[in-house]
Amino acid sequence: MAKKKSPLSDEALVLVARRFAVLAEPMRLRLLQALFDGEMSVGALAEAAAGTQANVSRHLQTLADAGLVSRRKEGLQVFYAIADPSIFQLCELVCGSIDQQNQARAKVFQ
């Protein structure tokens, strides 16, 4: 059984809520998923996430402001990468839980 952690302060809870708010947008999740295999340019991310370059750039800015992605400029191109490795574990945990729930629901309808 997991060890119970002490409650977070109100300030810490606000920070946690902000992090989840950033992740509550499907386009941002698509962008993070596209970056799981490594660094990509804004143009490549727009194509991978099926979004416009302006919209993708806006979401990437939000992810960068939250510290989830890093950016690097090379000439006229800007490249993004995952900056917070905990995002891999968080996505694995949430996606795994959703997969288990979907499998359980599927068994009910068999």
PDB file of N, CA and C in Angstrom:
ATOM      1  N   MET A   1       0.839  -1.177   0.000  1.00  0.00           N
ATOM      2  CA  MET A   1       0.000   0.000   0.000  1.00  0.00           C
ATOM      3  C   MET A   1       0.885   1.242   0.000  1.00  0.00           C
ATOM      4  N   ALA A   2       0.461   2.272  -0.732  1.00  0.00           N
ATOM      5  CA  ALA A   2       1.237   3.494  -0.834  1.00  0.00           C
ATOM      6  C   ALA A   2       1.224   4.259   0.487  1.00  0.00           C
ATOM      7  N   LYS A   3       2.354   4.864   0.777  1.00  0.00           N
ATOM      8  CA  LYS A   3       2.470   5.661   1.986  1.00  0.00           C
ATOM      9  C   LYS A   3       1.676   6.954   1.801  1.00  0.00           C
ATOM     10  N   LYS A   4       0.884   7.316   2.798  1.00  0.00           N
ATOM     11  CA  LYS A   4       0.089   8.536   2.728  1.00  0.00           C
ATOM     12  C   LYS A   4       1.010   9.734   2.907  1.00  0.00           C
ATOM     13  N   LYS A   5       0.874  10.675   1.976  1.00  0.00           N
ATOM     14  CA  LYS A   5       1.699  11.885   2.051  1.00  0.00           C
ATOM     15  C   LYS A   5       0.953  12.950   2.828  1.00  0.00           C
ATOM     16  N   SER A   6       1.719  13.883   3.392  1.00  0.00           N
ATOM     17  CA  SER A   6       1.085  14.968   4.133  1.00  0.00           C
ATOM     18  C   SER A   6       0.366  15.896   3.159  1.00  0.00           C
ATOM     19  N   PRO A   7      -0.689  16.556   3.618  1.00  0.00           N
ATOM     20  CA  PRO A   7      -1.464  17.441   2.745  1.00  0.00           C
ATOM     21  C   PRO A   7      -0.606  18.579   2.190  1.00  0.00           C
ATOM     22  N   LEU A   8      -0.936  18.992   0.975  1.00  0.00           N
ATOM     23  CA  LEU A   8      -0.230  20.110   0.355  1.00  0.00           C
ATOM     24  C   LEU A   8      -0.764  21.429   0.894  1.00  0.00           C
ATOM     25  N   SER A   9       0.086  22.434   0.860  1.00  0.00           N
ATOM     26  CA  SER A   9      -0.350  23.775   1.268  1.00  0.00           C
ATOM     27  C   SER A   9      -1.304  24.325   0.207  1.00  0.00           C
ATOM     28  N   ASP A  10      -2.031  25.374   0.567  1.00  0.00           N
ATOM     29  CA  ASP A  10      -2.939  26.004  -0.392  1.00  0.00           C
ATOM     30  C   ASP A  10      -2.175  26.505  -1.618  1.00  0.00           C
ATOM     31  N   GLU A  11      -0.977  27.041  -1.404  1.00  0.00           N
ATOM     32  CA  GLU A  11      -0.174  27.540  -2.514  1.00  0.00           C
ATOM     33  C   GLU A  11       0.236  26.393  -3.445  1.00  0.00           C
ATOM     34  N   ALA A  12       0.611  25.278  -2.864  1.00  0.00           N
ATOM     35  CA  ALA A  12       0.997  24.118  -3.671  1.00  0.00           C
ATOM     36  C   ALA A  12      -0.192  23.576  -4.454  1.00  0.00           C
ATOM     37  N   LEU A  13      -1.366  23.558  -3.826  1.00  0.00           N
ATOM     38  CA  LEU A  13      -2.568  23.092  -4.514  1.00  0.00           C
ATOM     39  C   LEU A  13      -2.908  23.982  -5.705  1.00  0.00           C
ATOM     40  N   VAL A  14      -2.681  25.278  -5.582  1.00  0.00           N
ATOM     41  CA  VAL A  14      -2.904  26.200  -6.702  1.00  0.00           C
ATOM     42  C   VAL A  14      -1.959  25.853  -7.853  1.00  0.00           C
ATOM     43  N   LEU A  15      -0.717  25.562  -7.541  1.00  0.00           N
ATOM     44  CA  LEU A  15       0.254  25.187  -8.582  1.00  0.00           C
ATOM     45  C   LEU A  15      -0.130  23.878  -9.262  1.00  0.00           C
ATOM     46  N   VAL A  16      -0.593  22.914  -8.484  1.00  0.00           N
ATOM     47  CA  VAL A  16      -1.035  21.634  -9.051  1.00  0.00           C
ATOM     48  C   VAL A  16      -2.239  21.861  -9.964  1.00  0.00           C
ATOM     49  N   ALA A  17      -3.181  22.677  -9.524  1.00  0.00           N
ATOM     50  CA  ALA A  17      -4.365  22.966 -10.331  1.00  0.00           C
ATOM     51  C   ALA A  17      -3.976  23.647 -11.637  1.00  0.00           C
ATOM     52  N   ARG A  18      -3.016  24.546 -11.584  1.00  0.00           N
ATOM     53  CA  ARG A  18      -2.548  25.216 -12.812  1.00  0.00           C
ATOM     54  C   ARG A  18      -1.925  24.220 -13.775  1.00  0.00           C
ATOM     55  N   ARG A  19      -1.153  23.278 -13.247  1.00  0.00           N
ATOM     56  CA  ARG A  19      -0.520  22.271 -14.106  1.00  0.00           C
ATOM     57  C   ARG A  19      -1.586  21.431 -14.805  1.00  0.00           C
ATOM     58  N   PHE A  20      -2.599  21.000 -14.038  1.00  0.00           N
ATOM     59  CA  PHE A  20      -3.679  20.210 -14.644  1.00  0.00           C
ATOM     60  C   PHE A  20      -4.480  21.045 -15.638  1.00  0.00           C
ATOM     61  N   ALA A  21      -4.649  22.330 -15.379  1.00  0.00           N
ATOM     62  CA  ALA A  21      -5.369  23.195 -16.320  1.00  0.00           C
ATOM     63  C   ALA A  21      -4.621  23.276 -17.651  1.00  0.00           C
ATOM     64  N   VAL A  22      -3.314  23.357 -17.601  1.00  0.00           N
ATOM     65  CA  VAL A  22      -2.511  23.381 -18.831  1.00  0.00           C
ATOM     66  C   VAL A  22      -2.701  22.076 -19.601  1.00  0.00           C
ATOM     67  N   LEU A  23      -2.793  20.974 -18.892  1.00  0.00           N
ATOM     68  CA  LEU A  23      -2.932  19.656 -19.530  1.00  0.00           C
ATOM     69  C   LEU A  23      -4.371  19.330 -19.906  1.00  0.00           C
ATOM     70  N   ALA A  24      -5.313  20.197 -19.593  1.00  0.00           N
ATOM     71  CA  ALA A  24      -6.727  19.926 -19.845  1.00  0.00           C
ATOM     72  C   ALA A  24      -7.164  20.299 -21.261  1.00  0.00           C
ATOM     73  N   GLU A  25      -6.232  20.558 -22.140  1.00  0.00           N
ATOM     74  CA  GLU A  25      -6.532  20.958 -23.517  1.00  0.00           C
ATOM     75  C   GLU A  25      -6.063  19.860 -24.470  1.00  0.00           C
ATOM     76  N   PRO A  26      -6.964  19.257 -25.248  1.00  0.00           N
ATOM     77  CA  PRO A  26      -6.581  18.157 -26.146  1.00  0.00           C
ATOM     78  C   PRO A  26      -5.440  18.495 -27.117  1.00  0.00           C
ATOM     79  N   MET A  27      -5.408  19.702 -27.649  1.00  0.00           N
ATOM     80  CA  MET A  27      -4.326  20.063 -28.580  1.00  0.00           C
ATOM     81  C   MET A  27      -2.977  20.022 -27.878  1.00  0.00           C
ATOM     82  N   ARG A  28      -2.923  20.482 -26.639  1.00  0.00           N
ATOM     83  CA  ARG A  28      -1.649  20.445 -25.898  1.00  0.00           C
ATOM     84  C   ARG A  28      -1.219  19.009 -25.643  1.00  0.00           C
ATOM     85  N   LEU A  29      -2.180  18.145 -25.374  1.00  0.00           N
ATOM     86  CA  LEU A  29      -1.854  16.731 -25.178  1.00  0.00           C
ATOM     87  C   LEU A  29      -1.354  16.108 -26.483  1.00  0.00           C
ATOM     88  N   ARG A  30      -1.953  16.482 -27.610  1.00  0.00           N
ATOM     89  CA  ARG A  30      -1.467  15.988 -28.905  1.00  0.00           C
ATOM     90  C   ARG A  30      -0.036  16.446 -29.157  1.00  0.00           C
ATOM     91  N   LEU A  31       0.252  17.697 -28.811  1.00  0.00           N
ATOM     92  CA  LEU A  31       1.610  18.222 -29.001  1.00  0.00           C
ATOM     93  C   LEU A  31       2.611  17.488 -28.114  1.00  0.00           C
ATOM     94  N   LEU A  32       2.251  17.271 -26.865  1.00  0.00           N
ATOM     95  CA  LEU A  32       3.144  16.530 -25.971  1.00  0.00           C
ATOM     96  C   LEU A  32       3.358  15.104 -26.481  1.00  0.00           C
ATOM     97  N   GLN A  33       2.290  14.474 -26.933  1.00  0.00           N
ATOM     98  CA  GLN A  33       2.398  13.116 -27.461  1.00  0.00           C
ATOM     99  C   GLN A  33       3.328  13.087 -28.672  1.00  0.00           C
ATOM    100  N   ALA A  34       3.232  14.089 -29.531  1.00  0.00           N
ATOM    101  CA  ALA A  34       4.116  14.158 -30.703  1.00  0.00           C
ATOM    102  C   ALA A  34       5.571  14.320 -30.291  1.00  0.00           C
ATOM    103  N   LEU A  35       5.806  14.970 -29.159  1.00  0.00           N
ATOM    104  CA  LEU A  35       7.180  15.206 -28.690  1.00  0.00           C
ATOM    105  C   LEU A  35       7.769  14.032 -27.918  1.00  0.00           C
ATOM    106  N   PHE A  36       6.975  12.999 -27.663  1.00  0.00           N
ATOM    107  CA  PHE A  36       7.485  11.852 -26.914  1.00  0.00           C
ATOM    108  C   PHE A  36       8.671  11.193 -27.612  1.00  0.00           C
ATOM    109  N   ASP A  37       8.720  11.254 -28.934  1.00  0.00           N
ATOM    110  CA  ASP A  37       9.831  10.634 -29.668  1.00  0.00           C
ATOM    111  C   ASP A  37      11.020  11.561 -29.848  1.00  0.00           C
ATOM    112  N   GLY A  38      10.918  12.804 -29.384  1.00  0.00           N
ATOM    113  CA  GLY A  38      12.042  13.718 -29.465  1.00  0.00           C
ATOM    114  C   GLY A  38      11.653  15.082 -30.003  1.00  0.00           C
ATOM    115  N   GLU A  39      12.644  15.914 -30.104  1.00  0.00           N
ATOM    116  CA  GLU A  39      12.492  17.308 -30.523  1.00  0.00           C
ATOM    117  C   GLU A  39      11.865  17.418 -31.915  1.00  0.00           C
ATOM    118  N   MET A  40      11.016  18.446 -32.078  1.00  0.00           N
ATOM    119  CA  MET A  40      10.377  18.691 -33.370  1.00  0.00           C
ATOM    120  C   MET A  40      10.262  20.190 -33.610  1.00  0.00           C
ATOM    121  N   SER A  41      10.219  20.567 -34.884  1.00  0.00           N
ATOM    122  CA  SER A  41      10.011  21.971 -35.246  1.00  0.00           C
ATOM    123  C   SER A  41       8.531  22.313 -35.113  1.00  0.00           C
ATOM    124  N   VAL A  42       8.236  23.605 -35.070  1.00  0.00           N
ATOM    125  CA  VAL A  42       6.847  24.048 -34.974  1.00  0.00           C
ATOM    126  C   VAL A  42       6.050  23.548 -36.174  1.00  0.00           C
ATOM    127  N   GLY A  43       6.636  23.634 -37.365  1.00  0.00           N
ATOM    128  CA  GLY A  43       5.944  23.168 -38.568  1.00  0.00           C
ATOM    129  C   GLY A  43       5.619  21.685 -38.508  1.00  0.00           C
ATOM    130  N   ALA A  44       6.576  20.891 -38.061  1.00  0.00           N
ATOM    131  CA  ALA A  44       6.352  19.443 -37.943  1.00  0.00           C
ATOM    132  C   ALA A  44       5.303  19.143 -36.876  1.00  0.00           C
ATOM    133  N   LEU A  45       5.317  19.916 -35.793  1.00  0.00           N
ATOM    134  CA  LEU A  45       4.314  19.728 -34.746  1.00  0.00           C
ATOM    135  C   LEU A  45       2.919  20.108 -35.240  1.00  0.00           C
ATOM    136  N   ALA A  46       2.830  21.171 -36.017  1.00  0.00           N
ATOM    137  CA  ALA A  46       1.535  21.575 -36.575  1.00  0.00           C
ATOM    138  C   ALA A  46       0.979  20.473 -37.465  1.00  0.00           C
ATOM    139  N   GLU A  47       1.853  19.869 -38.252  1.00  0.00           N
ATOM    140  CA  GLU A  47       1.415  18.768 -39.121  1.00  0.00           C
ATOM    141  C   GLU A  47       1.017  17.543 -38.292  1.00  0.00           C
ATOM    142  N   ALA A  48       1.833  17.196 -37.320  1.00  0.00           N
ATOM    143  CA  ALA A  48       1.568  16.005 -36.498  1.00  0.00           C
ATOM    144  C   ALA A  48       0.282  16.153 -35.681  1.00  0.00           C
ATOM    145  N   ALA A  49      -0.008  17.364 -35.235  1.00  0.00           N
ATOM    146  CA  ALA A  49      -1.181  17.600 -34.390  1.00  0.00           C
ATOM    147  C   ALA A  49      -2.387  18.072 -35.202  1.00  0.00           C
ATOM    148  N   ALA A  50      -2.217  18.159 -36.508  1.00  0.00           N
ATOM    149  CA  ALA A  50      -3.301  18.598 -37.401  1.00  0.00           C
ATOM    150  C   ALA A  50      -3.868  19.952 -36.967  1.00  0.00           C
ATOM    151  N   GLY A  51      -2.965  20.898 -36.744  1.00  0.00           N
ATOM    152  CA  GLY A  51      -3.380  22.245 -36.356  1.00  0.00           C
ATOM    153  C   GLY A  51      -2.699  23.283 -37.208  1.00  0.00           C
ATOM    154  N   THR A  52      -3.171  24.499 -37.113  1.00  0.00           N
ATOM    155  CA  THR A  52      -2.506  25.586 -37.827  1.00  0.00           C
ATOM    156  C   THR A  52      -1.246  25.980 -37.064  1.00  0.00           C
ATOM    157  N   GLN A  53      -0.300  26.552 -37.775  1.00  0.00           N
ATOM    158  CA  GLN A  53       0.950  26.936 -37.126  1.00  0.00           C
ATOM    159  C   GLN A  53       0.698  27.995 -36.045  1.00  0.00           C
ATOM    160  N   ALA A  54      -0.227  28.921 -36.290  1.00  0.00           N
ATOM    161  CA  ALA A  54      -0.524  29.959 -35.289  1.00  0.00           C
ATOM    162  C   ALA A  54      -1.129  29.339 -34.025  1.00  0.00           C
ATOM    163  N   ASN A  55      -2.066  28.428 -34.188  1.00  0.00           N
ATOM    164  CA  ASN A  55      -2.708  27.785 -33.038  1.00  0.00           C
ATOM    165  C   ASN A  55      -1.714  26.921 -32.268  1.00  0.00           C
ATOM    166  N   VAL A  56      -0.914  26.163 -32.998  1.00  0.00           N
ATOM    167  CA  VAL A  56       0.092  25.309 -32.362  1.00  0.00           C
ATOM    168  C   VAL A  56       1.106  26.166 -31.606  1.00  0.00           C
ATOM    169  N   SER A  57       1.537  27.260 -32.200  1.00  0.00           N
ATOM    170  CA  SER A  57       2.495  28.152 -31.534  1.00  0.00           C
ATOM    171  C   SER A  57       1.927  28.699 -30.227  1.00  0.00           C
ATOM    172  N   ARG A  58       0.645  29.045 -30.228  1.00  0.00           N
ATOM    173  CA  ARG A  58       0.003  29.559 -29.018  1.00  0.00           C
ATOM    174  C   ARG A  58      -0.002  28.496 -27.916  1.00  0.00           C
ATOM    175  N   HIS A  59      -0.341  27.260 -28.284  1.00  0.00           N
ATOM    176  CA  HIS A  59      -0.365  26.181 -27.290  1.00  0.00           C
ATOM    177  C   HIS A  59       1.048  25.838 -26.817  1.00  0.00           C
ATOM    178  N   LEU A  60       2.008  25.867 -27.711  1.00  0.00           N
ATOM    179  CA  LEU A  60       3.400  25.607 -27.320  1.00  0.00           C
ATOM    180  C   LEU A  60       3.895  26.667 -26.337  1.00  0.00           C
ATOM    181  N   GLN A  61       3.474  27.911 -26.534  1.00  0.00           N
ATOM    182  CA  GLN A  61       3.844  28.980 -25.607  1.00  0.00           C
ATOM    183  C   GLN A  61       3.300  28.693 -24.211  1.00  0.00           C
ATOM    184  N   THR A  62       2.058  28.226 -24.149  1.00  0.00           N
ATOM    185  CA  THR A  62       1.449  27.879 -22.857  1.00  0.00           C
ATOM    186  C   THR A  62       2.218  26.736 -22.200  1.00  0.00           C
ATOM    187  N   LEU A  63       2.562  25.712 -22.988  1.00  0.00           N
ATOM    188  CA  LEU A  63       3.331  24.580 -22.453  1.00  0.00           C
ATOM    189  C   LEU A  63       4.715  25.021 -21.986  1.00  0.00           C
ATOM    190  N   ALA A  64       5.329  25.926 -22.734  1.00  0.00           N
ATOM    191  CA  ALA A  64       6.655  26.436 -22.352  1.00  0.00           C
ATOM    192  C   ALA A  64       6.568  27.267 -21.076  1.00  0.00           C
ATOM    193  N   ASP A  65       5.542  28.119 -20.988  1.00  0.00           N
ATOM    194  CA  ASP A  65       5.356  28.941 -19.777  1.00  0.00           C
ATOM    195  C   ASP A  65       5.164  28.074 -18.538  1.00  0.00           C
ATOM    196  N   ALA A  66       4.559  26.893 -18.722  1.00  0.00           N
ATOM    197  CA  ALA A  66       4.336  25.967 -17.607  1.00  0.00           C
ATOM    198  C   ALA A  66       5.562  25.102 -17.321  1.00  0.00           C
ATOM    199  N   GLY A  67       6.602  25.238 -18.134  1.00  0.00           N
ATOM    200  CA  GLY A  67       7.822  24.464 -17.919  1.00  0.00           C
ATOM    201  C   GLY A  67       7.752  23.040 -18.425  1.00  0.00           C
ATOM    202  N   LEU A  68       6.744  22.727 -19.237  1.00  0.00           N
ATOM    203  CA  LEU A  68       6.595  21.359 -19.735  1.00  0.00           C
ATOM    204  C   LEU A  68       7.423  21.100 -20.990  1.00  0.00           C
ATOM    205  N   VAL A  69       7.642  22.134 -21.783  1.00  0.00           N
ATOM    206  CA  VAL A  69       8.477  21.987 -22.979  1.00  0.00           C
ATOM    207  C   VAL A  69       9.548  23.071 -22.984  1.00  0.00           C
ATOM    208  N   SER A  70      10.619  22.772 -23.680  1.00  0.00           N
ATOM    209  CA  SER A  70      11.689  23.751 -23.878  1.00  0.00           C
ATOM    210  C   SER A  70      11.732  24.109 -25.351  1.00  0.00           C
ATOM    211  N   ARG A  71      12.312  25.243 -25.647  1.00  0.00           N
ATOM    212  CA  ARG A  71      12.409  25.652 -27.043  1.00  0.00           C
ATOM    213  C   ARG A  71      13.836  26.069 -27.355  1.00  0.00           C
ATOM    214  N   ARG A  72      14.187  25.833 -28.613  1.00  0.00           N
ATOM    215  CA  ARG A  72      15.520  26.207 -29.086  1.00  0.00           C
ATOM    216  C   ARG A  72      15.363  26.737 -30.490  1.00  0.00           C
ATOM    217  N   LYS A  73      16.059  27.834 -30.763  1.00  0.00           N
ATOM    218  CA  LYS A  73      15.966  28.465 -32.075  1.00  0.00           C
ATOM    219  C   LYS A  73      17.207  28.109 -32.888  1.00  0.00           C
ATOM    220  N   GLU A  74      16.972  27.765 -34.133  1.00  0.00           N
ATOM    221  CA  GLU A  74      18.063  27.456 -35.064  1.00  0.00           C
ATOM    222  C   GLU A  74      17.737  28.161 -36.370  1.00  0.00           C
ATOM    223  N   GLY A  75      18.401  29.279 -36.611  1.00  0.00           N
ATOM    224  CA  GLY A  75      18.069  30.084 -37.781  1.00  0.00           C
ATOM    225  C   GLY A  75      16.664  30.640 -37.624  1.00  0.00           C
ATOM    226  N   LEU A  76      15.822  30.383 -38.603  1.00  0.00           N
ATOM    227  CA  LEU A  76      14.437  30.852 -38.554  1.00  0.00           C
ATOM    228  C   LEU A  76      13.492  29.841 -37.923  1.00  0.00           C
ATOM    229  N   GLN A  77      13.984  28.646 -37.668  1.00  0.00           N
ATOM    230  CA  GLN A  77      13.125  27.598 -37.107  1.00  0.00           C
ATOM    231  C   GLN A  77      13.241  27.534 -35.594  1.00  0.00           C
ATOM    232  N   VAL A  78      12.119  27.157 -34.978  1.00  0.00           N
ATOM    233  CA  VAL A  78      12.075  26.950 -33.531  1.00  0.00           C
ATOM    234  C   VAL A  78      11.744  25.481 -33.296  1.00  0.00           C
ATOM    235  N   PHE A  79      12.519  24.857 -32.421  1.00  0.00           N
ATOM    236  CA  PHE A  79      12.341  23.449 -32.094  1.00  0.00           C
ATOM    237  C   PHE A  79      11.900  23.329 -30.644  1.00  0.00           C
ATOM    238  N   TYR A  80      11.007  22.369 -30.402  1.00  0.00           N
ATOM    239  CA  TYR A  80      10.491  22.121 -29.054  1.00  0.00           C
ATOM    240  C   TYR A  80      10.818  20.696 -28.627  1.00  0.00           C
ATOM    241  N   ALA A  81      10.953  20.532 -27.312  1.00  0.00           N
ATOM    242  CA  ALA A  81      11.215  19.216 -26.728  1.00  0.00           C
ATOM    243  C   ALA A  81      10.561  19.163 -25.348  1.00  0.00           C
ATOM    244  N   ILE A  82      10.340  17.965 -24.862  1.00  0.00           N
ATOM    245  CA  ILE A  82       9.811  17.785 -23.502  1.00  0.00           C
ATOM    246  C   ILE A  82      10.881  18.278 -22.525  1.00  0.00           C
ATOM    247  N   ALA A  83      10.496  19.169 -21.623  1.00  0.00           N
ATOM    248  CA  ALA A  83      11.439  19.713 -20.640  1.00  0.00           C
ATOM    249  C   ALA A  83      11.263  19.076 -19.266  1.00  0.00           C
ATOM    250  N   ASP A  84      10.071  18.592 -18.988  1.00  0.00           N
ATOM    251  CA  ASP A  84       9.779  17.998 -17.681  1.00  0.00           C
ATOM    252  C   ASP A  84       9.549  16.506 -17.873  1.00  0.00           C
ATOM    253  N   PRO A  85      10.545  15.675 -17.550  1.00  0.00           N
ATOM    254  CA  PRO A  85      10.415  14.240 -17.791  1.00  0.00           C
ATOM    255  C   PRO A  85       9.280  13.574 -17.003  1.00  0.00           C
ATOM    256  N   SER A  86       8.760  14.230 -15.973  1.00  0.00           N
ATOM    257  CA  SER A  86       7.652  13.633 -15.227  1.00  0.00           C
ATOM    258  C   SER A  86       6.397  13.528 -16.087  1.00  0.00           C
ATOM    259  N   ILE A  87       6.348  14.261 -17.190  1.00  0.00           N
ATOM    260  CA  ILE A  87       5.178  14.208 -18.071  1.00  0.00           C
ATOM    261  C   ILE A  87       5.029  12.814 -18.675  1.00  0.00           C
ATOM    262  N   PHE A  88       6.139  12.117 -18.899  1.00  0.00           N
ATOM    263  CA  PHE A  88       6.074  10.749 -19.420  1.00  0.00           C
ATOM    264  C   PHE A  88       5.365   9.831 -18.422  1.00  0.00           C
ATOM    265  N   GLN A  89       5.751   9.939 -17.155  1.00  0.00           N
ATOM    266  CA  GLN A  89       5.151   9.098 -16.118  1.00  0.00           C
ATOM    267  C   GLN A  89       3.681   9.442 -15.908  1.00  0.00           C
ATOM    268  N   LEU A  90       3.372  10.730 -15.930  1.00  0.00           N
ATOM    269  CA  LEU A  90       1.984  11.148 -15.746  1.00  0.00           C
ATOM    270  C   LEU A  90       1.109  10.617 -16.873  1.00  0.00           C
ATOM    271  N   CYS A  91       1.568  10.748 -18.100  1.00  0.00           N
ATOM    272  CA  CYS A  91       0.791  10.259 -19.237  1.00  0.00           C
ATOM    273  C   CYS A  91       0.652   8.741 -19.195  1.00  0.00           C
ATOM    274  N   GLU A  92       1.709   8.053 -18.826  1.00  0.00           N
ATOM    275  CA  GLU A  92       1.647   6.591 -18.727  1.00  0.00           C
ATOM    276  C   GLU A  92       0.627   6.170 -17.672  1.00  0.00           C
ATOM    277  N   LEU A  93       0.629   6.853 -16.545  1.00  0.00           N
ATOM    278  CA  LEU A  93      -0.302   6.539 -15.468  1.00  0.00           C
ATOM    279  C   LEU A  93      -1.751   6.792 -15.890  1.00  0.00           C
ATOM    280  N   VAL A  94      -2.017   7.969 -16.446  1.00  0.00           N
ATOM    281  CA  VAL A  94      -3.383   8.330 -16.833  1.00  0.00           C
ATOM    282  C   VAL A  94      -3.854   7.469 -18.004  1.00  0.00           C
ATOM    283  N   CYS A  95      -3.005   7.320 -19.020  1.00  0.00           N
ATOM    284  CA  CYS A  95      -3.397   6.515 -20.188  1.00  0.00           C
ATOM    285  C   CYS A  95      -3.608   5.057 -19.804  1.00  0.00           C
ATOM    286  N   GLY A  96      -2.775   4.540 -18.925  1.00  0.00           N
ATOM    287  CA  GLY A  96      -2.935   3.158 -18.460  1.00  0.00           C
ATOM    288  C   GLY A  96      -4.241   2.980 -17.708  1.00  0.00           C
ATOM    289  N   SER A  97      -4.598   3.938 -16.884  1.00  0.00           N
ATOM    290  CA  SER A  97      -5.846   3.873 -16.129  1.00  0.00           C
ATOM    291  C   SER A  97      -7.046   3.917 -17.065  1.00  0.00           C
ATOM    292  N   ILE A  98      -7.002   4.786 -18.057  1.00  0.00           N
ATOM    293  CA  ILE A  98      -8.103   4.885 -19.029  1.00  0.00           C
ATOM    294  C   ILE A  98      -8.215   3.592 -19.828  1.00  0.00           C
ATOM    295  N   ASP A  99      -7.081   3.027 -20.204  1.00  0.00           N
ATOM    296  CA  ASP A  99      -7.097   1.762 -20.949  1.00  0.00           C
ATOM    297  C   ASP A  99      -7.741   0.650 -20.123  1.00  0.00           C
ATOM    298  N   GLN A 100      -7.395   0.562 -18.843  1.00  0.00           N
ATOM    299  CA  GLN A 100      -7.987  -0.450 -17.965  1.00  0.00           C
ATOM    300  C   GLN A 100      -9.497  -0.253 -17.840  1.00  0.00           C
ATOM    301  N   GLN A 101      -9.935   0.992 -17.695  1.00  0.00           N
ATOM    302  CA  GLN A 101     -11.364   1.275 -17.600  1.00  0.00           C
ATOM    303  C   GLN A 101     -12.087   0.873 -18.889  1.00  0.00           C
ATOM    304  N   ASN A 102     -11.490   1.188 -20.026  1.00  0.00           N
ATOM    305  CA  ASN A 102     -12.103   0.833 -21.303  1.00  0.00           C
ATOM    306  C   ASN A 102     -12.184  -0.678 -21.489  1.00  0.00           C
ATOM    307  N   GLN A 103     -11.149  -1.392 -21.073  1.00  0.00           N
ATOM    308  CA  GLN A 103     -11.171  -2.855 -21.169  1.00  0.00           C
ATOM    309  C   GLN A 103     -12.262  -3.428 -20.273  1.00  0.00           C
ATOM    310  N   ALA A 104     -12.416  -2.877 -19.074  1.00  0.00           N
ATOM    311  CA  ALA A 104     -13.464  -3.364 -18.157  1.00  0.00           C
ATOM    312  C   ALA A 104     -14.839  -3.097 -18.746  1.00  0.00           C
ATOM    313  N   ARG A 105     -15.039  -1.944 -19.355  1.00  0.00           N
ATOM    314  CA  ARG A 105     -16.330  -1.630 -19.976  1.00  0.00           C
ATOM    315  C   ARG A 105     -16.598  -2.561 -21.152  1.00  0.00           C
ATOM    316  N   ALA A 106     -15.561  -2.859 -21.923  1.00  0.00           N
ATOM    317  CA  ALA A 106     -15.731  -3.712 -23.084  1.00  0.00           C
ATOM    318  C   ALA A 106     -16.174  -5.123 -22.666  1.00  0.00           C
ATOM    319  N   LYS A 107     -15.663  -5.608 -21.539  1.00  0.00           N
ATOM    320  CA  LYS A 107     -16.037  -6.932 -21.040  1.00  0.00           C
ATOM    321  C   LYS A 107     -17.513  -6.993 -20.672  1.00  0.00           C
ATOM    322  N   VAL A 108     -18.039  -5.897 -20.187  1.00  0.00           N
ATOM    323  CA  VAL A 108     -19.449  -5.850 -19.795  1.00  0.00           C
ATOM    324  C   VAL A 108     -20.345  -6.059 -21.024  1.00  0.00           C
ATOM    325  N   PHE A 109     -19.918  -5.581 -22.187  1.00  0.00           N
ATOM    326  CA  PHE A 109     -20.741  -5.641 -23.397  1.00  0.00           C
ATOM    327  C   PHE A 109     -20.429  -6.847 -24.273  1.00  0.00           C
ATOM    328  N   GLN A 110     -19.625  -7.769 -23.801  1.00  0.00           N
ATOM    329  CA  GLN A 110     -19.302  -8.977 -24.593  1.00  0.00           C
ATOM    330  C   GLN A 110     -20.341 -10.035 -24.417  1.00  0.00           C
TER     331      GLN A 110
END
